[in-house]
């Protein structure tokens, strides 16, 4: 699996950034977001790892990691990030690849 951020079409990258910055809920997962996806197509049908993302004040919390498809909990986290650092890092994932046409 590969990170869901930093690759794919421009539209896909912008949508993933909006998800991770909590600007919109995922259309199927709501408050959960795919963080690792299929390296060939990025499609959620191939299986993926999701995380619940919450924001409390200026702290972002990643918790409750799940291997989707198998509905298997992954025993890591929670992880805490300061909003300013987090939002900068997420926004900086846009266009990491040389070819954004994938």
N, C-alpha and C. Protein backbone atom coordinates (compact mmCIF):
# COMPACT_ATOMS: atom_id res chain seq x y z
N UNK A 1 0.84 -1.18 0.00
CA UNK A 1 0.00 0.00 0.00
C UNK A 1 0.88 1.25 0.00
N UNK A 2 0.33 2.32 -0.55
CA UNK A 2 1.05 3.60 -0.64
C UNK A 2 0.21 4.68 0.03
N UNK A 3 0.83 5.79 0.43
CA UNK A 3 0.07 6.88 1.04
C UNK A 3 -1.00 7.42 0.09
N UNK A 4 -2.14 7.78 0.62
CA UNK A 4 -3.23 8.33 -0.17
C UNK A 4 -2.95 9.77 -0.62
N UNK A 5 -1.99 10.40 0.00
CA UNK A 5 -1.66 11.80 -0.31
C UNK A 5 -0.45 11.89 -1.24
N UNK A 6 -0.47 12.90 -2.13
CA UNK A 6 0.72 13.23 -2.90
C UNK A 6 0.83 12.59 -4.26
N UNK A 7 -0.19 11.90 -4.72
CA UNK A 7 -0.13 11.32 -6.05
C UNK A 7 -1.54 11.23 -6.61
N UNK A 8 -1.64 10.89 -7.89
CA UNK A 8 -2.93 10.82 -8.56
C UNK A 8 -3.23 12.12 -9.29
N UNK A 9 -4.42 12.21 -9.80
CA UNK A 9 -4.82 13.41 -10.53
C UNK A 9 -4.87 14.61 -9.60
N UNK A 10 -4.84 15.78 -10.17
CA UNK A 10 -4.96 17.01 -9.37
C UNK A 10 -6.25 17.01 -8.58
N UNK A 11 -7.36 16.60 -9.21
CA UNK A 11 -8.65 16.57 -8.51
C UNK A 11 -8.60 15.61 -7.33
N UNK A 12 -8.00 14.43 -7.54
CA UNK A 12 -7.90 13.46 -6.46
C UNK A 12 -7.04 14.00 -5.32
N UNK A 13 -5.92 14.63 -5.66
CA UNK A 13 -5.04 15.18 -4.62
C UNK A 13 -5.76 16.25 -3.81
N UNK A 14 -6.48 17.13 -4.49
CA UNK A 14 -7.21 18.19 -3.79
C UNK A 14 -8.29 17.61 -2.88
N UNK A 15 -8.99 16.58 -3.37
CA UNK A 15 -10.03 15.95 -2.55
C UNK A 15 -9.42 15.30 -1.31
N UNK A 16 -8.30 14.60 -1.46
CA UNK A 16 -7.67 13.96 -0.31
C UNK A 16 -7.20 15.02 0.70
N UNK A 17 -6.65 16.12 0.21
CA UNK A 17 -6.23 17.20 1.11
C UNK A 17 -7.44 17.74 1.86
N UNK A 18 -8.56 17.95 1.16
CA UNK A 18 -9.78 18.41 1.82
C UNK A 18 -10.24 17.43 2.89
N UNK A 19 -10.14 16.14 2.61
CA UNK A 19 -10.50 15.14 3.61
C UNK A 19 -9.60 15.27 4.85
N UNK A 20 -8.29 15.27 4.63
CA UNK A 20 -7.36 15.28 5.75
C UNK A 20 -7.39 16.58 6.55
N UNK A 21 -7.80 17.68 5.91
CA UNK A 21 -7.94 18.95 6.62
C UNK A 21 -9.36 19.13 7.17
N UNK A 22 -10.15 18.07 7.08
CA UNK A 22 -11.51 18.02 7.62
C UNK A 22 -12.43 19.09 7.03
N UNK A 23 -12.18 19.43 5.77
CA UNK A 23 -13.05 20.38 5.07
C UNK A 23 -14.32 19.71 4.58
N UNK A 24 -14.25 18.40 4.38
CA UNK A 24 -15.43 17.63 3.96
C UNK A 24 -15.29 16.20 4.43
N UNK A 25 -16.40 15.55 4.74
CA UNK A 25 -16.33 14.14 5.14
C UNK A 25 -16.14 13.27 3.90
N UNK A 26 -15.55 12.11 4.09
CA UNK A 26 -15.43 11.14 3.01
C UNK A 26 -16.83 10.71 2.62
N UNK A 27 -17.11 10.56 1.34
CA UNK A 27 -18.47 10.27 0.90
C UNK A 27 -19.01 8.92 1.36
N UNK A 28 -18.14 7.97 1.67
CA UNK A 28 -18.60 6.65 2.13
C UNK A 28 -18.18 6.34 3.56
N UNK A 29 -17.06 6.92 3.99
CA UNK A 29 -16.51 6.59 5.31
C UNK A 29 -16.84 7.62 6.37
N UNK A 30 -17.35 8.79 5.95
CA UNK A 30 -17.75 9.89 6.82
C UNK A 30 -16.58 10.43 7.64
N UNK A 31 -16.39 10.03 8.88
CA UNK A 31 -15.31 10.59 9.71
C UNK A 31 -14.04 9.73 9.67
N UNK A 32 -14.00 8.75 8.78
CA UNK A 32 -12.80 7.93 8.58
C UNK A 32 -12.24 8.30 7.21
N UNK A 33 -10.92 8.13 7.08
CA UNK A 33 -10.26 8.54 5.84
C UNK A 33 -9.22 7.50 5.45
N UNK A 34 -9.10 7.20 4.14
CA UNK A 34 -8.08 6.25 3.70
C UNK A 34 -6.70 6.89 3.80
N UNK A 35 -5.76 6.22 4.47
CA UNK A 35 -4.41 6.77 4.55
C UNK A 35 -3.42 5.97 3.71
N UNK A 36 -3.66 4.68 3.54
CA UNK A 36 -2.84 3.84 2.67
C UNK A 36 -3.77 3.12 1.70
N UNK A 37 -3.43 3.18 0.40
CA UNK A 37 -4.30 2.64 -0.64
C UNK A 37 -3.52 1.76 -1.60
N UNK A 38 -4.21 1.17 -2.55
CA UNK A 38 -3.60 0.32 -3.57
C UNK A 38 -2.55 1.10 -4.36
N UNK A 39 -1.33 0.55 -4.53
CA UNK A 39 -0.29 1.26 -5.26
C UNK A 39 -0.52 1.31 -6.77
N UNK A 40 -1.39 0.47 -7.29
CA UNK A 40 -1.62 0.44 -8.73
C UNK A 40 -2.70 1.42 -9.17
N UNK A 41 -3.74 1.55 -8.35
CA UNK A 41 -4.86 2.39 -8.80
C UNK A 41 -5.38 3.35 -7.74
N UNK A 42 -5.03 3.14 -6.49
CA UNK A 42 -5.52 4.01 -5.42
C UNK A 42 -6.98 3.76 -5.09
N UNK A 43 -7.59 2.79 -5.72
CA UNK A 43 -9.02 2.51 -5.53
C UNK A 43 -9.27 1.84 -4.19
N UNK A 44 -10.29 2.28 -3.51
CA UNK A 44 -10.64 1.71 -2.21
C UNK A 44 -11.20 0.31 -2.32
N UNK A 45 -11.63 -0.09 -3.51
CA UNK A 45 -12.15 -1.44 -3.72
C UNK A 45 -11.04 -2.49 -3.55
N UNK A 46 -9.79 -2.08 -3.73
CA UNK A 46 -8.66 -3.00 -3.64
C UNK A 46 -8.23 -3.27 -2.20
N UNK A 47 -8.82 -2.58 -1.26
CA UNK A 47 -8.43 -2.67 0.13
C UNK A 47 -7.59 -1.47 0.51
N UNK A 48 -7.69 -1.06 1.76
CA UNK A 48 -6.97 0.12 2.21
C UNK A 48 -6.97 0.16 3.72
N UNK A 49 -6.15 1.04 4.27
CA UNK A 49 -6.14 1.28 5.71
C UNK A 49 -6.76 2.65 5.95
N UNK A 50 -7.70 2.69 6.88
CA UNK A 50 -8.36 3.95 7.20
C UNK A 50 -8.06 4.35 8.63
N UNK A 51 -8.30 5.64 8.90
CA UNK A 51 -8.08 6.20 10.22
C UNK A 51 -9.22 7.16 10.53
N UNK A 52 -9.57 7.26 11.79
CA UNK A 52 -10.53 8.26 12.25
C UNK A 52 -9.73 9.51 12.59
N UNK A 53 -10.13 10.64 12.03
CA UNK A 53 -9.43 11.90 12.27
C UNK A 53 -10.37 12.86 12.99
N UNK A 54 -9.91 13.37 14.13
CA UNK A 54 -10.66 14.35 14.91
C UNK A 54 -9.79 15.57 15.13
N UNK A 55 -10.44 16.70 15.35
CA UNK A 55 -9.73 17.93 15.71
C UNK A 55 -10.33 18.46 17.00
N UNK A 56 -9.48 18.62 17.99
CA UNK A 56 -9.90 19.16 19.28
C UNK A 56 -9.03 20.39 19.57
N UNK A 57 -9.64 21.57 19.43
CA UNK A 57 -8.87 22.80 19.56
C UNK A 57 -7.86 22.88 18.43
N UNK A 58 -6.59 23.06 18.77
CA UNK A 58 -5.55 23.12 17.73
C UNK A 58 -4.77 21.80 17.63
N UNK A 59 -5.38 20.71 18.08
CA UNK A 59 -4.76 19.38 18.02
C UNK A 59 -5.58 18.47 17.10
N UNK A 60 -4.89 17.80 16.18
CA UNK A 60 -5.50 16.79 15.30
C UNK A 60 -5.12 15.43 15.86
N UNK A 61 -6.09 14.54 15.91
CA UNK A 61 -5.87 13.20 16.47
C UNK A 61 -6.19 12.15 15.42
N UNK A 62 -5.24 11.28 15.14
CA UNK A 62 -5.46 10.10 14.30
C UNK A 62 -5.58 8.91 15.24
N UNK A 63 -6.68 8.17 15.12
CA UNK A 63 -6.91 7.01 15.99
C UNK A 63 -7.77 5.97 15.28
N UNK A 64 -7.87 4.82 15.88
CA UNK A 64 -8.73 3.74 15.39
C UNK A 64 -8.41 3.35 13.95
N UNK A 65 -7.19 2.89 13.74
CA UNK A 65 -6.75 2.44 12.42
C UNK A 65 -7.40 1.10 12.10
N UNK A 66 -7.90 0.95 10.86
CA UNK A 66 -8.58 -0.29 10.46
C UNK A 66 -8.11 -0.71 9.07
N UNK A 67 -7.83 -2.01 8.92
CA UNK A 67 -7.59 -2.59 7.61
C UNK A 67 -8.96 -2.88 7.03
N UNK A 68 -9.39 -2.03 6.11
CA UNK A 68 -10.73 -2.15 5.53
C UNK A 68 -10.79 -3.35 4.60
N UNK A 69 -11.96 -3.87 4.45
CA UNK A 69 -12.15 -5.09 3.68
C UNK A 69 -12.14 -6.30 4.59
N UNK A 70 -11.22 -6.28 5.53
CA UNK A 70 -11.15 -7.34 6.54
C UNK A 70 -11.73 -6.86 7.87
N UNK A 71 -12.02 -5.55 7.95
CA UNK A 71 -12.54 -4.92 9.17
C UNK A 71 -11.68 -5.31 10.38
N UNK A 72 -10.37 -5.24 10.19
CA UNK A 72 -9.42 -5.65 11.23
C UNK A 72 -8.77 -4.41 11.85
N UNK A 73 -8.92 -4.28 13.16
CA UNK A 73 -8.32 -3.16 13.88
C UNK A 73 -6.80 -3.32 13.91
N UNK A 74 -6.10 -2.22 13.69
CA UNK A 74 -4.64 -2.19 13.75
C UNK A 74 -4.26 -1.49 15.04
N UNK A 75 -3.50 -2.15 15.86
CA UNK A 75 -3.21 -1.65 17.21
C UNK A 75 -2.02 -0.68 17.21
N UNK A 76 -2.26 0.55 16.69
CA UNK A 76 -1.29 1.63 16.76
C UNK A 76 -2.02 2.92 17.10
N UNK A 77 -1.27 3.90 17.57
CA UNK A 77 -1.85 5.20 17.87
C UNK A 77 -2.54 5.21 19.20
N UNK A 78 -3.17 6.30 19.53
CA UNK A 78 -3.43 7.47 18.69
C UNK A 78 -2.20 8.35 18.51
N UNK A 79 -2.25 9.17 17.46
CA UNK A 79 -1.19 10.12 17.16
C UNK A 79 -1.76 11.53 17.22
N UNK A 80 -1.00 12.46 17.78
CA UNK A 80 -1.44 13.83 17.98
C UNK A 80 -0.54 14.78 17.19
N UNK A 81 -1.16 15.76 16.52
CA UNK A 81 -0.43 16.74 15.72
C UNK A 81 -0.94 18.14 16.02
N UNK A 82 -0.05 19.12 16.10
CA UNK A 82 -0.46 20.51 16.22
C UNK A 82 -1.01 20.95 14.87
N UNK A 83 -2.15 21.64 14.88
CA UNK A 83 -2.84 22.02 13.65
C UNK A 83 -1.94 22.75 12.65
N UNK A 84 -1.19 23.73 13.09
CA UNK A 84 -0.36 24.50 12.16
C UNK A 84 0.64 23.60 11.43
N UNK A 85 1.33 22.76 12.15
CA UNK A 85 2.29 21.84 11.54
C UNK A 85 1.58 20.83 10.64
N UNK A 86 0.48 20.30 11.12
CA UNK A 86 -0.30 19.30 10.40
C UNK A 86 -0.81 19.86 9.07
N UNK A 87 -1.48 21.02 9.13
CA UNK A 87 -2.07 21.58 7.91
C UNK A 87 -0.98 21.93 6.89
N UNK A 88 0.15 22.42 7.35
CA UNK A 88 1.26 22.72 6.44
C UNK A 88 1.75 21.44 5.77
N UNK A 89 1.96 20.39 6.54
CA UNK A 89 2.44 19.12 6.00
C UNK A 89 1.44 18.53 5.00
N UNK A 90 0.16 18.56 5.33
CA UNK A 90 -0.86 18.02 4.43
C UNK A 90 -0.90 18.82 3.14
N UNK A 91 -0.92 20.13 3.23
CA UNK A 91 -0.95 20.98 2.02
C UNK A 91 0.29 20.78 1.16
N UNK A 92 1.43 20.50 1.78
CA UNK A 92 2.67 20.30 1.03
C UNK A 92 2.73 18.98 0.28
N UNK A 93 1.75 18.09 0.48
CA UNK A 93 1.74 16.84 -0.28
C UNK A 93 1.27 17.05 -1.70
N UNK A 94 0.61 18.15 -1.97
CA UNK A 94 0.07 18.38 -3.32
C UNK A 94 1.19 18.46 -4.34
N UNK A 95 1.06 17.65 -5.39
CA UNK A 95 2.01 17.71 -6.50
C UNK A 95 3.38 17.15 -6.20
N UNK A 96 3.49 16.21 -5.28
CA UNK A 96 4.80 15.64 -4.96
C UNK A 96 5.40 14.86 -6.13
N UNK A 97 4.56 14.32 -6.99
CA UNK A 97 5.07 13.55 -8.13
C UNK A 97 5.33 14.47 -9.30
N UNK A 98 6.19 14.04 -10.21
CA UNK A 98 6.45 14.80 -11.42
C UNK A 98 5.30 14.65 -12.41
N UNK A 99 4.63 13.51 -12.36
CA UNK A 99 3.55 13.23 -13.29
C UNK A 99 2.26 13.10 -12.51
N UNK A 100 1.41 14.10 -12.57
CA UNK A 100 0.15 14.10 -11.83
C UNK A 100 -1.01 13.58 -12.66
N UNK A 101 -0.73 12.90 -13.73
CA UNK A 101 -1.79 12.42 -14.61
C UNK A 101 -2.28 11.04 -14.26
N UNK A 102 -1.70 10.40 -13.24
CA UNK A 102 -2.11 9.03 -12.85
C UNK A 102 -3.55 8.99 -12.46
